[in-house]
Amino acid sequence: MDRYDLLVIGGGAAGINALKQGLKLGARVALIDSGPLGGACINRG
């Protein structure tokens, strides 16, 4: 089983920023989202 320090739920703007910040701090990060990355604002306008 894989182990992570941070689990980000949602790949919108805030989720992607949380992922990037976790990686900067050296955390093992996983991101899950049911749709395309970027969230509704980026993908649907």
C-alpha atoms as a PDB file:
ATOM      1  CA  MET A   1       0.000   0.000   0.000  1.00  0.00           C
ATOM      2  CA  ASP A   2       1.291   3.460  -0.899  1.00  0.00           C
ATOM      3  CA  ARG A   3       1.578   6.001   1.904  1.00  0.00           C
ATOM      4  CA  TYR A   4       1.252   9.745   1.519  1.00  0.00           C
ATOM      5  CA  ASP A   5       1.794  12.732   3.785  1.00  0.00           C
ATOM      6  CA  LEU A   6      -0.931  14.786   2.115  1.00  0.00           C
ATOM      7  CA  LEU A   7      -4.083  13.803   0.218  1.00  0.00           C
ATOM      8  CA  VAL A   8      -5.612  16.583  -1.870  1.00  0.00           C
ATOM      9  CA  ILE A   9      -9.241  16.096  -2.881  1.00  0.00           C
ATOM     10  CA  GLY A  10     -10.124  18.136  -5.945  1.00  0.00           C
ATOM     11  CA  GLY A  11      -7.948  19.285  -8.810  1.00  0.00           C
ATOM     12  CA  GLY A  12      -9.192  22.849  -9.087  1.00  0.00           C
ATOM     13  CA  ALA A  13      -7.049  25.924  -8.567  1.00  0.00           C
ATOM     14  CA  ALA A  14      -6.851  25.488  -4.776  1.00  0.00           C
ATOM     15  CA  GLY A  15      -6.152  21.755  -5.015  1.00  0.00           C
ATOM     16  CA  ILE A  16      -3.343  22.220  -7.499  1.00  0.00           C
ATOM     17  CA  ASN A  17      -1.805  24.938  -5.316  1.00  0.00           C
ATOM     18  CA  ALA A  18      -2.032  22.666  -2.263  1.00  0.00           C
ATOM     19  CA  LEU A  19      -0.328  19.908  -4.244  1.00  0.00           C
ATOM     20  CA  LYS A  20       2.494  22.223  -5.343  1.00  0.00           C
ATOM     21  CA  GLN A  21       3.020  23.564  -1.819  1.00  0.00           C
ATOM     22  CA  GLY A  22       3.151  20.057  -0.377  1.00  0.00           C
ATOM     23  CA  LEU A  23       5.752  19.041  -2.952  1.00  0.00           C
ATOM     24  CA  LYS A  24       7.837  22.139  -2.170  1.00  0.00           C
ATOM     25  CA  LEU A  25       7.864  21.076   1.483  1.00  0.00           C
ATOM     26  CA  GLY A  26       9.042  17.583   0.554  1.00  0.00           C
ATOM     27  CA  ALA A  27       5.766  15.785   1.254  1.00  0.00           C
ATOM     28  CA  ARG A  28       4.562  12.730  -0.627  1.00  0.00           C
ATOM     29  CA  VAL A  29       1.352  14.052  -2.146  1.00  0.00           C
ATOM     30  CA  ALA A  30      -1.592  12.372  -3.875  1.00  0.00           C
ATOM     31  CA  LEU A  31      -4.331  14.267  -5.698  1.00  0.00           C
ATOM     32  CA  ILE A  32      -7.701  12.741  -6.558  1.00  0.00           C
ATOM     33  CA  ASP A  33     -10.447  14.243  -8.689  1.00  0.00           C
ATOM     34  CA  SER A  34     -13.388  12.743 -10.550  1.00  0.00           C
ATOM     35  CA  GLY A  35     -13.062  15.166 -13.458  1.00  0.00           C
ATOM     36  CA  PRO A  36     -10.380  16.876 -15.512  1.00  0.00           C
ATOM     37  CA  LEU A  37      -7.707  18.856 -13.704  1.00  0.00           C
ATOM     38  CA  GLY A  38      -8.229  22.582 -13.531  1.00  0.00           C
ATOM     39  CA  GLY A  39     -11.725  22.734 -12.069  1.00  0.00           C
ATOM     40  CA  ALA A  40     -14.920  24.220 -13.432  1.00  0.00           C
ATOM     41  CA  CYS A  41     -13.620  27.760 -14.003  1.00  0.00           C
ATOM     42  CA  ILE A  42     -10.780  26.669 -16.264  1.00  0.00           C
ATOM     43  CA  ASN A  43     -12.647  23.904 -18.119  1.00  0.00           C
ATOM     44  CA  ARG A  44     -16.116  25.446 -18.468  1.00  0.00           C
ATOM     45  CA  GLY A  45     -15.471  29.170 -18.284  1.00  0.00           C
END
